[in-house]
Amino acid sequence: MNRLQRMACFNLIVIAICLGLCGGAIIVLVLVIGLPNALAGFAFIGFAGTMLISPFIFPKDKGSVSFDERDELIQKRALLAGFAASYCFFIGVCVITWLIVGIDGSVSVNMLPVMVCGGFIAYELGRSVAILIQYGRDTSA
């Protein structure tokens, strides 16, 4: 398993833990204090920032060549998949918000950072899955 694959696995584990904590906190808070105040459970999304330290946890290998043209092409495709996932996330959030709130409704400004964090998570999820799929397709290596 090379560095990109290890980082992708780490990112998927962090995303799963963050979404699990966030969902669990929201469910518990809905049962305890009700829905409007239960949105404080989104604070666990902040743990997704742990993905930013993955380049430091998995440093580059010194000595031999560990990143060739194939790895570069895989990373470019994975970046494109990540951007596509975040774009689809933002379109989905906008449409769902419009359907829920309606034409004359408004959205609290406090939800905007949650949307940005969700877009980041969608980007990393799409990128990490694309990396693992592309390396998994080639069995000759």
N, C-alpha and C. Protein backbone atom coordinates (compact mmCIF):
# COMPACT_ATOMS: atom_id res chain seq x y z
N MET A 1 0.85 -1.17 0.00
CA MET A 1 0.00 0.00 0.00
C MET A 1 0.90 1.24 0.00
N ASN A 2 0.69 2.12 -0.96
CA ASN A 2 1.54 3.30 -1.03
C ASN A 2 0.98 4.44 -0.17
N ARG A 3 1.65 5.56 -0.21
CA ARG A 3 1.31 6.70 0.65
C ARG A 3 -0.09 7.23 0.36
N LEU A 4 -0.46 7.38 -0.92
CA LEU A 4 -1.79 7.89 -1.26
C LEU A 4 -2.89 6.97 -0.75
N GLN A 5 -2.67 5.68 -0.86
CA GLN A 5 -3.67 4.73 -0.37
C GLN A 5 -3.80 4.78 1.15
N ARG A 6 -2.67 4.88 1.84
CA ARG A 6 -2.73 4.97 3.30
C ARG A 6 -3.45 6.24 3.74
N MET A 7 -3.16 7.35 3.06
CA MET A 7 -3.84 8.60 3.40
C MET A 7 -5.33 8.52 3.10
N ALA A 8 -5.71 7.87 1.99
CA ALA A 8 -7.12 7.73 1.63
C ALA A 8 -7.85 6.87 2.66
N CYS A 9 -7.23 5.78 3.10
CA CYS A 9 -7.85 4.94 4.14
C CYS A 9 -8.01 5.71 5.45
N PHE A 10 -6.99 6.45 5.83
CA PHE A 10 -7.06 7.26 7.05
C PHE A 10 -8.20 8.28 6.95
N ASN A 11 -8.33 8.95 5.78
CA ASN A 11 -9.38 9.94 5.60
C ASN A 11 -10.77 9.30 5.67
N LEU A 12 -10.93 8.13 5.09
CA LEU A 12 -12.23 7.46 5.15
C LEU A 12 -12.58 7.05 6.58
N ILE A 13 -11.59 6.62 7.34
CA ILE A 13 -11.84 6.27 8.75
C ILE A 13 -12.25 7.51 9.54
N VAL A 14 -11.55 8.62 9.33
CA VAL A 14 -11.88 9.87 10.03
C VAL A 14 -13.29 10.34 9.66
N ILE A 15 -13.64 10.26 8.37
CA ILE A 15 -14.98 10.68 7.93
C ILE A 15 -16.04 9.81 8.59
N ALA A 16 -15.82 8.50 8.62
CA ALA A 16 -16.80 7.59 9.24
C ALA A 16 -16.98 7.90 10.72
N ILE A 17 -15.88 8.15 11.42
CA ILE A 17 -15.97 8.47 12.85
C ILE A 17 -16.70 9.80 13.06
N CYS A 18 -16.36 10.81 12.26
CA CYS A 18 -17.00 12.12 12.41
C CYS A 18 -18.50 12.06 12.13
N LEU A 19 -18.87 11.39 11.05
CA LEU A 19 -20.29 11.30 10.72
C LEU A 19 -21.04 10.46 11.75
N GLY A 20 -20.40 9.43 12.28
CA GLY A 20 -21.03 8.63 13.32
C GLY A 20 -21.24 9.42 14.61
N LEU A 21 -20.21 10.16 15.02
CA LEU A 21 -20.35 11.00 16.22
C LEU A 21 -21.40 12.09 16.02
N CYS A 22 -21.38 12.70 14.85
CA CYS A 22 -22.32 13.78 14.55
C CYS A 22 -23.76 13.26 14.55
N GLY A 23 -23.98 12.15 13.84
CA GLY A 23 -25.32 11.57 13.78
C GLY A 23 -25.80 11.11 15.14
N GLY A 24 -24.91 10.46 15.89
CA GLY A 24 -25.29 10.00 17.23
C GLY A 24 -25.62 11.15 18.17
N ALA A 25 -24.82 12.21 18.10
CA ALA A 25 -25.08 13.38 18.96
C ALA A 25 -26.40 14.05 18.61
N ILE A 26 -26.67 14.15 17.32
CA ILE A 26 -27.93 14.79 16.91
C ILE A 26 -29.12 13.95 17.35
N ILE A 27 -29.03 12.63 17.19
CA ILE A 27 -30.14 11.77 17.61
C ILE A 27 -30.38 11.88 19.11
N VAL A 28 -29.31 11.84 19.90
CA VAL A 28 -29.46 11.95 21.35
C VAL A 28 -30.01 13.33 21.74
N LEU A 29 -29.50 14.38 21.09
CA LEU A 29 -29.97 15.72 21.43
C LEU A 29 -31.42 15.96 21.00
N VAL A 30 -31.84 15.35 19.91
CA VAL A 30 -33.25 15.47 19.51
C VAL A 30 -34.14 14.84 20.56
N LEU A 31 -33.74 13.69 21.09
CA LEU A 31 -34.55 13.03 22.11
C LEU A 31 -34.54 13.78 23.43
N VAL A 32 -33.44 14.47 23.73
CA VAL A 32 -33.32 15.14 25.03
C VAL A 32 -33.86 16.56 25.00
N ILE A 33 -33.44 17.37 24.01
CA ILE A 33 -33.80 18.79 24.04
C ILE A 33 -34.61 19.27 22.84
N GLY A 34 -34.88 18.43 21.88
CA GLY A 34 -35.70 18.84 20.74
C GLY A 34 -34.86 19.26 19.55
N LEU A 35 -35.54 19.40 18.42
CA LEU A 35 -34.83 19.57 17.15
C LEU A 35 -34.08 20.88 16.96
N PRO A 36 -34.63 22.04 17.22
CA PRO A 36 -33.84 23.24 16.88
C PRO A 36 -32.50 23.30 17.60
N ASN A 37 -32.46 22.92 18.84
CA ASN A 37 -31.22 22.97 19.61
C ASN A 37 -30.33 21.76 19.38
N ALA A 38 -30.87 20.72 18.78
CA ALA A 38 -30.09 19.50 18.55
C ALA A 38 -29.07 19.68 17.44
N LEU A 39 -29.19 20.75 16.67
CA LEU A 39 -28.23 20.99 15.59
C LEU A 39 -26.84 21.30 16.13
N ALA A 40 -26.71 21.46 17.44
CA ALA A 40 -25.39 21.63 18.05
C ALA A 40 -24.55 20.37 17.88
N GLY A 41 -25.17 19.26 17.55
CA GLY A 41 -24.44 18.02 17.31
C GLY A 41 -23.55 18.10 16.08
N PHE A 42 -23.80 19.08 15.22
CA PHE A 42 -22.94 19.27 14.05
C PHE A 42 -21.53 19.71 14.45
N ALA A 43 -21.32 20.03 15.71
CA ALA A 43 -20.00 20.45 16.16
C ALA A 43 -18.97 19.34 16.00
N PHE A 44 -19.42 18.09 15.98
CA PHE A 44 -18.48 16.98 15.81
C PHE A 44 -17.89 16.93 14.40
N ILE A 45 -18.44 17.68 13.48
CA ILE A 45 -17.86 17.75 12.14
C ILE A 45 -16.47 18.37 12.22
N GLY A 46 -16.21 19.16 13.24
CA GLY A 46 -14.90 19.77 13.42
C GLY A 46 -13.77 18.77 13.51
N PHE A 47 -14.08 17.54 13.94
CA PHE A 47 -13.05 16.51 14.01
C PHE A 47 -12.57 16.10 12.62
N ALA A 48 -13.30 16.48 11.58
CA ALA A 48 -12.87 16.17 10.21
C ALA A 48 -11.57 16.91 9.87
N GLY A 49 -11.26 17.94 10.61
CA GLY A 49 -10.00 18.63 10.41
C GLY A 49 -8.79 17.76 10.67
N THR A 50 -9.02 16.61 11.33
CA THR A 50 -7.94 15.65 11.56
C THR A 50 -7.37 15.14 10.24
N MET A 51 -8.17 15.19 9.17
CA MET A 51 -7.69 14.74 7.86
C MET A 51 -6.54 15.60 7.37
N LEU A 52 -6.45 16.81 7.84
CA LEU A 52 -5.40 17.72 7.38
C LEU A 52 -4.01 17.33 7.88
N ILE A 53 -3.94 16.47 8.89
CA ILE A 53 -2.62 16.06 9.39
C ILE A 53 -2.14 14.76 8.74
N SER A 54 -2.93 14.17 7.84
CA SER A 54 -2.52 12.91 7.23
C SER A 54 -1.21 12.99 6.46
N PRO A 55 -0.84 14.11 5.79
CA PRO A 55 0.48 14.16 5.16
C PRO A 55 1.63 14.09 6.17
N PHE A 56 1.39 14.50 7.40
CA PHE A 56 2.43 14.44 8.42
C PHE A 56 2.50 13.06 9.07
N ILE A 57 1.36 12.37 9.12
CA ILE A 57 1.34 11.02 9.67
C ILE A 57 2.00 10.04 8.71
N PHE A 58 1.77 10.26 7.41
CA PHE A 58 2.33 9.39 6.38
C PHE A 58 3.32 10.19 5.54
N PRO A 59 4.56 10.34 6.02
CA PRO A 59 5.54 11.14 5.28
C PRO A 59 5.97 10.45 3.99
N LYS A 60 6.57 11.23 3.09
CA LYS A 60 7.06 10.68 1.83
C LYS A 60 8.22 9.74 2.11
N ASP A 61 8.28 8.67 1.31
CA ASP A 61 9.38 7.72 1.43
C ASP A 61 10.64 8.35 0.87
N LYS A 62 11.71 8.23 1.60
CA LYS A 62 12.98 8.79 1.13
C LYS A 62 13.77 7.71 0.42
N GLY A 63 14.49 8.11 -0.59
CA GLY A 63 15.33 7.16 -1.31
C GLY A 63 14.75 6.79 -2.66
N SER A 64 13.93 5.75 -2.70
CA SER A 64 13.41 5.26 -3.97
C SER A 64 12.29 6.17 -4.49
N VAL A 65 12.01 6.02 -5.78
CA VAL A 65 10.94 6.78 -6.41
C VAL A 65 9.62 6.18 -5.97
N SER A 66 8.79 6.99 -5.36
CA SER A 66 7.52 6.49 -4.84
C SER A 66 6.33 7.14 -5.52
N PHE A 67 6.57 7.97 -6.53
CA PHE A 67 5.47 8.67 -7.18
C PHE A 67 5.82 8.81 -8.66
N ASP A 68 5.17 8.01 -9.52
CA ASP A 68 5.49 8.05 -10.94
C ASP A 68 4.33 8.64 -11.73
N GLU A 69 4.36 8.47 -13.06
CA GLU A 69 3.34 9.06 -13.92
C GLU A 69 1.96 8.47 -13.65
N ARG A 70 1.93 7.17 -13.36
CA ARG A 70 0.65 6.52 -13.07
C ARG A 70 0.04 7.08 -11.80
N ASP A 71 0.86 7.27 -10.78
CA ASP A 71 0.36 7.84 -9.52
C ASP A 71 -0.13 9.26 -9.73
N GLU A 72 0.57 10.02 -10.56
CA GLU A 72 0.15 11.39 -10.85
C GLU A 72 -1.20 11.41 -11.57
N LEU A 73 -1.39 10.50 -12.52
CA LEU A 73 -2.67 10.42 -13.23
C LEU A 73 -3.80 10.00 -12.29
N ILE A 74 -3.51 9.06 -11.41
CA ILE A 74 -4.51 8.64 -10.43
C ILE A 74 -4.89 9.79 -9.52
N GLN A 75 -3.90 10.57 -9.09
CA GLN A 75 -4.20 11.70 -8.21
C GLN A 75 -5.01 12.77 -8.94
N LYS A 76 -4.71 13.02 -10.21
CA LYS A 76 -5.49 14.01 -10.97
C LYS A 76 -6.94 13.56 -11.12
N ARG A 77 -7.14 12.29 -11.44
CA ARG A 77 -8.51 11.77 -11.57
C ARG A 77 -9.24 11.81 -10.23
N ALA A 78 -8.52 11.51 -9.16
CA ALA A 78 -9.13 11.53 -7.83
C ALA A 78 -9.52 12.96 -7.43
N LEU A 79 -8.69 13.94 -7.76
CA LEU A 79 -9.03 15.33 -7.48
C LEU A 79 -10.29 15.74 -8.23
N LEU A 80 -10.39 15.31 -9.49
CA LEU A 80 -11.58 15.61 -10.28
C LEU A 80 -12.82 14.96 -9.67
N ALA A 81 -12.68 13.72 -9.21
CA ALA A 81 -13.80 13.05 -8.56
C ALA A 81 -14.19 13.75 -7.27
N GLY A 82 -13.21 14.24 -6.53
CA GLY A 82 -13.51 14.98 -5.30
C GLY A 82 -14.24 16.27 -5.56
N PHE A 83 -13.80 17.00 -6.58
CA PHE A 83 -14.50 18.24 -6.92
C PHE A 83 -15.91 17.96 -7.42
N ALA A 84 -16.09 16.89 -8.18
CA ALA A 84 -17.42 16.53 -8.64
C ALA A 84 -18.33 16.17 -7.47
N ALA A 85 -17.78 15.45 -6.48
CA ALA A 85 -18.57 15.09 -5.30
C ALA A 85 -18.97 16.32 -4.50
N SER A 86 -18.05 17.26 -4.33
CA SER A 86 -18.39 18.47 -3.58
C SER A 86 -19.39 19.34 -4.34
N TYR A 87 -19.26 19.39 -5.67
CA TYR A 87 -20.22 20.15 -6.47
C TYR A 87 -21.62 19.54 -6.35
N CYS A 88 -21.70 18.21 -6.44
CA CYS A 88 -23.00 17.54 -6.29
C CYS A 88 -23.57 17.76 -4.89
N PHE A 89 -22.69 17.78 -3.88
CA PHE A 89 -23.14 18.05 -2.52
C PHE A 89 -23.76 19.44 -2.42
N PHE A 90 -23.07 20.45 -2.94
CA PHE A 90 -23.59 21.82 -2.85
C PHE A 90 -24.88 21.98 -3.63
N ILE A 91 -24.99 21.37 -4.80
CA ILE A 91 -26.24 21.43 -5.56
C ILE A 91 -27.35 20.76 -4.76
N GLY A 92 -27.06 19.59 -4.19
CA GLY A 92 -28.06 18.90 -3.39
C GLY A 92 -28.50 19.70 -2.18
N VAL A 93 -27.55 20.31 -1.49
CA VAL A 93 -27.89 21.13 -0.31
C VAL A 93 -28.76 22.31 -0.71
N CYS A 94 -28.42 22.96 -1.81
CA CYS A 94 -29.20 24.11 -2.26
C CYS A 94 -30.63 23.71 -2.64
N VAL A 95 -30.77 22.61 -3.35
CA VAL A 95 -32.11 22.17 -3.78
C VAL A 95 -32.93 21.70 -2.58
N ILE A 96 -32.32 20.92 -1.69
CA ILE A 96 -33.05 20.44 -0.52
C ILE A 96 -33.45 21.60 0.39
N THR A 97 -32.55 22.57 0.57
CA THR A 97 -32.89 23.75 1.38
C THR A 97 -34.03 24.52 0.75
N TRP A 98 -34.01 24.67 -0.56
CA TRP A 98 -35.08 25.37 -1.26
C TRP A 98 -36.41 24.64 -1.10
N LEU A 99 -36.38 23.30 -1.17
CA LEU A 99 -37.61 22.52 -1.01
C LEU A 99 -38.15 22.60 0.41
N ILE A 100 -37.27 22.60 1.39
CA ILE A 100 -37.71 22.63 2.79
C ILE A 100 -38.18 24.01 3.20
N VAL A 101 -37.38 25.03 2.90
CA VAL A 101 -37.67 26.39 3.36
C VAL A 101 -38.72 27.07 2.49
N GLY A 102 -38.69 26.83 1.21
CA GLY A 102 -39.65 27.44 0.30
C GLY A 102 -39.08 28.70 -0.33
N ILE A 103 -39.87 29.27 -1.20
CA ILE A 103 -39.44 30.42 -1.98
C ILE A 103 -39.24 31.66 -1.10
N ASP A 104 -40.14 31.87 -0.16
CA ASP A 104 -40.08 33.08 0.66
C ASP A 104 -39.36 32.88 1.99
N GLY A 105 -38.78 31.71 2.21
CA GLY A 105 -38.13 31.41 3.47
C GLY A 105 -36.71 31.94 3.54
N SER A 106 -36.08 31.72 4.67
CA SER A 106 -34.68 32.14 4.84
C SER A 106 -33.95 31.06 5.63
N VAL A 107 -32.63 31.08 5.48
CA VAL A 107 -31.78 30.11 6.15
C VAL A 107 -30.88 30.88 7.11
N SER A 108 -30.68 30.32 8.28
CA SER A 108 -29.81 30.95 9.26
C SER A 108 -28.37 30.97 8.76
N VAL A 109 -27.68 32.04 9.03
CA VAL A 109 -26.28 32.17 8.64
C VAL A 109 -25.43 31.14 9.36
N ASN A 110 -25.87 30.65 10.48
CA ASN A 110 -25.13 29.65 11.24
C ASN A 110 -25.01 28.33 10.49
N MET A 111 -25.85 28.10 9.50
CA MET A 111 -25.79 26.86 8.73
C MET A 111 -24.75 26.91 7.62
N LEU A 112 -24.27 28.08 7.27
CA LEU A 112 -23.30 28.19 6.18
C LEU A 112 -21.96 27.49 6.48
N PRO A 113 -21.39 27.63 7.68
CA PRO A 113 -20.16 26.88 7.96
C PRO A 113 -20.38 25.36 7.93
N VAL A 114 -21.56 24.92 8.32
CA VAL A 114 -21.86 23.49 8.27
C VAL A 114 -21.88 23.03 6.81
N MET A 115 -22.43 23.86 5.93
CA MET A 115 -22.46 23.51 4.51
C MET A 115 -21.05 23.45 3.93
N VAL A 116 -20.20 24.37 4.33
CA VAL A 116 -18.81 24.37 3.83
C VAL A 116 -18.07 23.13 4.34
N CYS A 117 -18.25 22.79 5.61
CA CYS A 117 -17.63 21.58 6.16
C CYS A 117 -18.17 20.34 5.46
N GLY A 118 -19.45 20.34 5.16
CA GLY A 118 -20.03 19.21 4.42
C GLY A 118 -19.44 19.09 3.03
N GLY A 119 -19.20 20.23 2.38
CA GLY A 119 -18.56 20.21 1.06
C GLY A 119 -17.15 19.67 1.13
N PHE A 120 -16.41 20.03 2.17
CA PHE A 120 -15.06 19.52 2.37
C PHE A 120 -15.07 18.01 2.59
N ILE A 121 -16.02 17.55 3.40
CA ILE A 121 -16.13 16.12 3.65
C ILE A 121 -16.51 15.37 2.38
N ALA A 122 -17.43 15.94 1.58
CA ALA A 122 -17.81 15.31 0.32
C ALA A 122 -16.62 15.25 -0.63
N TYR A 123 -15.81 16.31 -0.66
CA TYR A 123 -14.62 16.34 -1.51
C TYR A 123 -13.64 15.24 -1.10
N GLU A 124 -13.32 15.16 0.19
CA GLU A 124 -12.37 14.16 0.67
C GLU A 124 -12.91 12.75 0.51
N LEU A 125 -14.21 12.58 0.70
CA LEU A 125 -14.82 11.26 0.52
C LEU A 125 -14.71 10.82 -0.94
N GLY A 126 -15.06 11.70 -1.87
CA GLY A 126 -14.97 11.38 -3.28
C GLY A 126 -13.54 11.12 -3.72
N ARG A 127 -12.61 11.93 -3.25
CA ARG A 127 -11.20 11.79 -3.62
C ARG A 127 -10.62 10.50 -3.06
N SER A 128 -10.90 10.19 -1.82
CA SER A 128 -10.35 9.00 -1.18
C SER A 128 -10.91 7.73 -1.81
N VAL A 129 -12.19 7.70 -2.07
CA VAL A 129 -12.79 6.53 -2.70
C VAL A 129 -12.23 6.35 -4.11
N ALA A 130 -12.06 7.45 -4.85
CA ALA A 130 -11.52 7.35 -6.20
C ALA A 130 -10.08 6.83 -6.19
N ILE A 131 -9.29 7.25 -5.22
CA ILE A 131 -7.91 6.74 -5.12
C ILE A 131 -7.91 5.24 -4.87
N LEU A 132 -8.72 4.79 -3.93
CA LEU A 132 -8.73 3.36 -3.61
C LEU A 132 -9.29 2.53 -4.77
N ILE A 133 -10.28 3.04 -5.47
CA ILE A 133 -10.83 2.30 -6.61
C ILE A 133 -9.81 2.21 -7.74
N GLN A 134 -9.14 3.31 -8.03
CA GLN A 134 -8.19 3.30 -9.14
C GLN A 134 -6.99 2.40 -8.86
N TYR A 135 -6.50 2.38 -7.65
CA TYR A 135 -5.39 1.48 -7.34
C TYR A 135 -5.88 0.04 -7.26
N GLY A 136 -7.13 -0.17 -6.90
CA GLY A 136 -7.66 -1.52 -6.83
C GLY A 136 -7.94 -2.15 -8.18
N ARG A 137 -8.15 -1.33 -9.21
CA ARG A 137 -8.43 -1.85 -10.54
C ARG A 137 -7.22 -2.52 -11.17
N ASP A 138 -6.05 -1.99 -10.91
CA ASP A 138 -4.84 -2.50 -11.55
C ASP A 138 -4.23 -3.60 -10.69
N THR A 139 -4.36 -4.84 -11.13
CA THR A 139 -3.84 -5.96 -10.35
C THR A 139 -2.45 -6.38 -10.82
N SER A 140 -1.93 -5.74 -11.87
CA SER A 140 -0.62 -6.14 -12.38
C SER A 140 0.52 -5.54 -11.57
N ALA A 141 0.25 -4.55 -10.75
CA ALA A 141 1.33 -3.86 -10.01
C ALA A 141 1.79 -4.63 -8.81
